[in-house]
Amino acid sequence: MQRYGRRWPTLIAMVIAGASCCLMPLIPNDVQWLAVLLAMLAKLSVTASYTSIYELGAETAPTTLRFVCISWCSVIGCASVMIVPQIVDLSHYNENLPLIIFGVLSLVGGVAVLYLPETLNENLPETIEEAEVFGKDYKWYSWKLKKTPDDRVTKADYLDVTDKQENLPLGIDL
């Protein structure tokens, strides 16, 4: 996440999870090892995306509302945990229906991440006004990488910092 940002790794993980869930109903019953492999791949991918979703959600919210936004994400997550048993219970009608629902929801969530701004190497919004314009000029298909160690950090990269060395982030030497 520190090199490739949050959006694209989250998108890739959620698409892998969604594709794995949607492919599982197509596996014949005599090839159970492949179904287990896809299930474990889906579980791994959901866990990988879960680690970056909270960080991405917190970084796109302004400082004044950051904890409120994180709290709402937790509330929505807890509410969805209450719905999951009912989705799994739909397997009484069709045993593949829960897998398809979870797969489609994961694919939709992965595509929705593309419309969030990338927060890597960006000054995070501190006010609601800054949050409204944060990422406005950002394209959904753009990919931002972390600066390599060869890139020289200039004072323009840290406009809010005074000339005092102790106020610079750790490891930055101008």
Protein backbone atom coordinates (compact mmCIF):
# COMPACT_ATOMS: atom_id res chain seq x y z
CA MET A 1 0.00 0.00 0.00
CA GLN A 2 2.91 2.34 0.59
CA ARG A 3 4.22 1.87 -2.95
CA TYR A 4 1.12 1.34 -5.10
CA GLY A 5 -1.46 3.31 -3.16
CA ARG A 6 -4.78 2.02 -1.88
CA ARG A 7 -7.20 2.08 -4.79
CA TRP A 8 -5.68 -0.35 -7.26
CA PRO A 9 -4.60 -3.03 -4.75
CA THR A 10 -8.09 -2.86 -3.24
CA LEU A 11 -9.69 -3.11 -6.67
CA ILE A 12 -7.52 -6.07 -7.68
CA ALA A 13 -8.17 -7.91 -4.42
CA MET A 14 -11.93 -7.38 -4.59
CA VAL A 15 -12.14 -8.39 -8.25
CA ILE A 16 -10.16 -11.58 -7.51
CA ALA A 17 -12.51 -12.34 -4.61
CA GLY A 18 -15.59 -11.65 -6.72
CA ALA A 19 -14.34 -13.68 -9.65
CA SER A 20 -13.45 -16.58 -7.36
CA CYS A 21 -16.93 -16.60 -5.82
CA CYS A 22 -18.63 -16.35 -9.20
CA LEU A 23 -16.49 -19.17 -10.65
CA MET A 24 -17.11 -21.62 -7.81
CA PRO A 25 -20.60 -22.67 -9.03
CA LEU A 26 -19.03 -23.66 -12.35
CA ILE A 27 -16.68 -26.20 -10.73
CA PRO A 28 -17.81 -29.83 -11.18
CA ASN A 29 -18.45 -31.85 -8.02
CA ASP A 30 -15.59 -34.27 -8.73
CA VAL A 31 -12.97 -31.47 -8.62
CA GLN A 32 -13.39 -30.38 -5.01
CA TRP A 33 -9.76 -29.29 -4.64
CA LEU A 34 -10.37 -26.50 -7.17
CA ALA A 35 -13.45 -25.31 -5.28
CA VAL A 36 -11.43 -25.22 -2.05
CA LEU A 37 -8.62 -23.36 -3.83
CA LEU A 38 -11.05 -20.73 -5.16
CA ALA A 39 -12.68 -20.39 -1.73
CA MET A 40 -9.31 -19.81 -0.06
CA LEU A 41 -8.30 -17.35 -2.80
CA ALA A 42 -11.56 -15.45 -2.24
CA LYS A 43 -10.99 -15.39 1.51
CA LEU A 44 -7.39 -14.20 1.08
CA SER A 45 -8.45 -11.47 -1.34
CA VAL A 46 -11.26 -10.19 0.87
CA THR A 47 -8.86 -10.03 3.82
CA ALA A 48 -6.31 -8.15 1.72
CA SER A 49 -8.89 -5.62 0.57
CA TYR A 50 -10.25 -5.22 4.11
CA THR A 51 -6.89 -3.91 5.33
CA SER A 52 -6.86 -1.06 2.85
CA ILE A 53 -10.55 -0.14 2.79
CA TYR A 54 -10.56 1.35 6.29
CA GLU A 55 -7.38 3.29 5.58
CA LEU A 56 -8.74 4.59 2.28
CA GLY A 57 -12.02 5.58 3.90
CA ALA A 58 -10.24 7.39 6.71
CA GLU A 59 -7.87 9.23 4.39
CA THR A 60 -10.57 10.54 2.05
CA ALA A 61 -12.59 12.04 4.91
CA PRO A 62 -11.67 15.49 6.27
CA THR A 63 -9.90 15.63 9.61
CA THR A 64 -12.92 17.18 11.32
CA LEU A 65 -15.13 14.22 10.32
CA ARG A 66 -12.59 11.41 10.07
CA PHE A 67 -13.64 9.49 13.17
CA VAL A 68 -17.32 9.94 12.38
CA CYS A 69 -16.72 8.42 8.93
CA ILE A 70 -14.74 5.51 10.40
CA SER A 71 -17.55 4.94 12.90
CA TRP A 72 -20.14 4.84 10.12
CA CYS A 73 -17.99 2.36 8.21
CA SER A 74 -17.96 0.17 11.31
CA VAL A 75 -21.73 0.49 11.76
CA ILE A 76 -22.37 -0.46 8.13
CA GLY A 77 -19.92 -3.37 8.49
CA CYS A 78 -21.74 -4.63 11.59
CA ALA A 79 -25.11 -4.27 9.88
CA SER A 80 -23.88 -6.27 6.91
CA VAL A 81 -22.71 -9.02 9.26
CA MET A 82 -26.34 -9.32 10.40
CA ILE A 83 -27.49 -9.75 6.79
CA VAL A 84 -24.94 -12.44 5.86
CA PRO A 85 -26.76 -15.34 7.58
CA GLN A 86 -29.90 -14.53 5.61
CA ILE A 87 -27.91 -14.54 2.36
CA VAL A 88 -26.35 -17.88 3.27
CA ASP A 89 -29.83 -19.17 4.10
CA LEU A 90 -30.79 -18.59 0.45
CA SER A 91 -28.84 -21.75 -0.35
CA HIS A 92 -32.04 -23.67 0.50
CA TYR A 93 -33.47 -22.38 -2.77
CA ASN A 94 -30.29 -22.61 -4.85
CA GLU A 95 -26.98 -23.77 -3.40
CA ASN A 96 -24.99 -21.39 -5.64
CA LEU A 97 -27.03 -18.24 -4.94
CA PRO A 98 -24.98 -17.05 -1.91
CA LEU A 99 -21.73 -17.41 -3.86
CA ILE A 100 -23.12 -15.41 -6.76
CA ILE A 101 -24.45 -12.68 -4.45
CA PHE A 102 -21.13 -12.37 -2.58
CA GLY A 103 -19.21 -12.43 -5.86
CA VAL A 104 -21.32 -9.72 -7.49
CA LEU A 105 -21.19 -7.53 -4.38
CA SER A 106 -17.40 -7.87 -4.30
CA LEU A 107 -17.12 -6.98 -7.99
CA VAL A 108 -19.38 -3.95 -7.55
CA GLY A 109 -17.37 -2.83 -4.51
CA GLY A 110 -14.13 -3.20 -6.44
CA VAL A 111 -15.39 -1.05 -9.29
CA ALA A 112 -16.75 1.52 -6.81
CA VAL A 113 -13.26 1.93 -5.34
CA LEU A 114 -12.12 3.32 -8.70
CA TYR A 115 -14.23 6.42 -8.12
CA LEU A 116 -12.45 7.31 -4.87
CA PRO A 117 -9.40 9.57 -5.05
CA GLU A 118 -5.95 8.08 -4.48
CA THR A 119 -4.42 9.31 -1.23
CA LEU A 120 -0.81 8.23 -1.81
CA ASN A 121 1.58 11.22 -1.69
CA GLU A 122 -1.34 13.61 -1.22
CA ASN A 123 -2.03 16.13 1.49
CA LEU A 124 -5.17 14.85 3.17
CA PRO A 125 -8.17 17.16 3.47
CA GLU A 126 -8.53 18.90 6.80
CA THR A 127 -11.79 20.79 6.26
CA ILE A 128 -15.04 19.92 4.55
CA GLU A 129 -14.27 22.46 1.82
CA GLU A 130 -10.94 20.76 1.10
CA ALA A 131 -12.65 17.37 1.06
CA GLU A 132 -15.15 18.57 -1.54
CA VAL A 133 -12.36 19.37 -4.00
CA PHE A 134 -10.05 16.53 -2.96
CA GLY A 135 -9.50 14.31 -5.97
CA LYS A 136 -11.76 16.34 -8.30
CA ASP A 137 -9.16 16.33 -11.09
CA TYR A 138 -8.28 12.69 -10.49
CA LYS A 139 -9.16 10.25 -13.25
CA TRP A 140 -10.62 6.84 -12.36
CA TYR A 141 -8.03 5.02 -14.48
CA SER A 142 -4.91 6.80 -13.21
CA TRP A 143 -2.21 4.97 -11.31
CA LYS A 144 0.02 6.82 -8.89
CA LEU A 145 3.23 5.27 -7.61
CA LYS A 146 5.27 6.31 -4.62
CA LYS A 147 8.32 8.35 -5.37
CA THR A 148 11.47 6.30 -5.66
CA PRO A 149 14.43 7.00 -3.36
CA ASP A 150 16.17 8.67 -6.31
CA ASP A 151 13.52 11.40 -6.48
CA ARG A 152 14.67 14.47 -4.59
CA VAL A 153 12.14 15.82 -2.11
CA THR A 154 11.83 19.57 -2.48
CA LYS A 155 10.34 22.20 -0.26
CA ALA A 156 7.45 22.46 -2.71
CA ASP A 157 6.44 18.94 -1.65
CA TYR A 158 5.92 20.20 1.89
CA LEU A 159 4.37 23.65 1.58
CA ASP A 160 2.88 23.59 5.06
CA VAL A 161 6.21 22.97 6.77
CA THR A 162 8.42 25.79 7.98
CA ASP A 163 12.13 25.90 7.28
CA LYS A 164 12.95 24.38 10.66
CA GLN A 165 14.49 20.92 10.27
CA GLU A 166 12.69 19.49 13.31
CA ASN A 167 9.28 20.13 11.72
CA LEU A 168 10.03 18.00 8.66
CA PRO A 169 8.81 14.39 8.52
CA LEU A 170 11.31 11.80 9.69
CA GLY A 171 13.98 10.95 7.15
CA ILE A 172 13.42 14.07 5.00
CA ASP A 173 16.53 16.15 4.60
CA LEU A 174 16.30 19.29 2.47
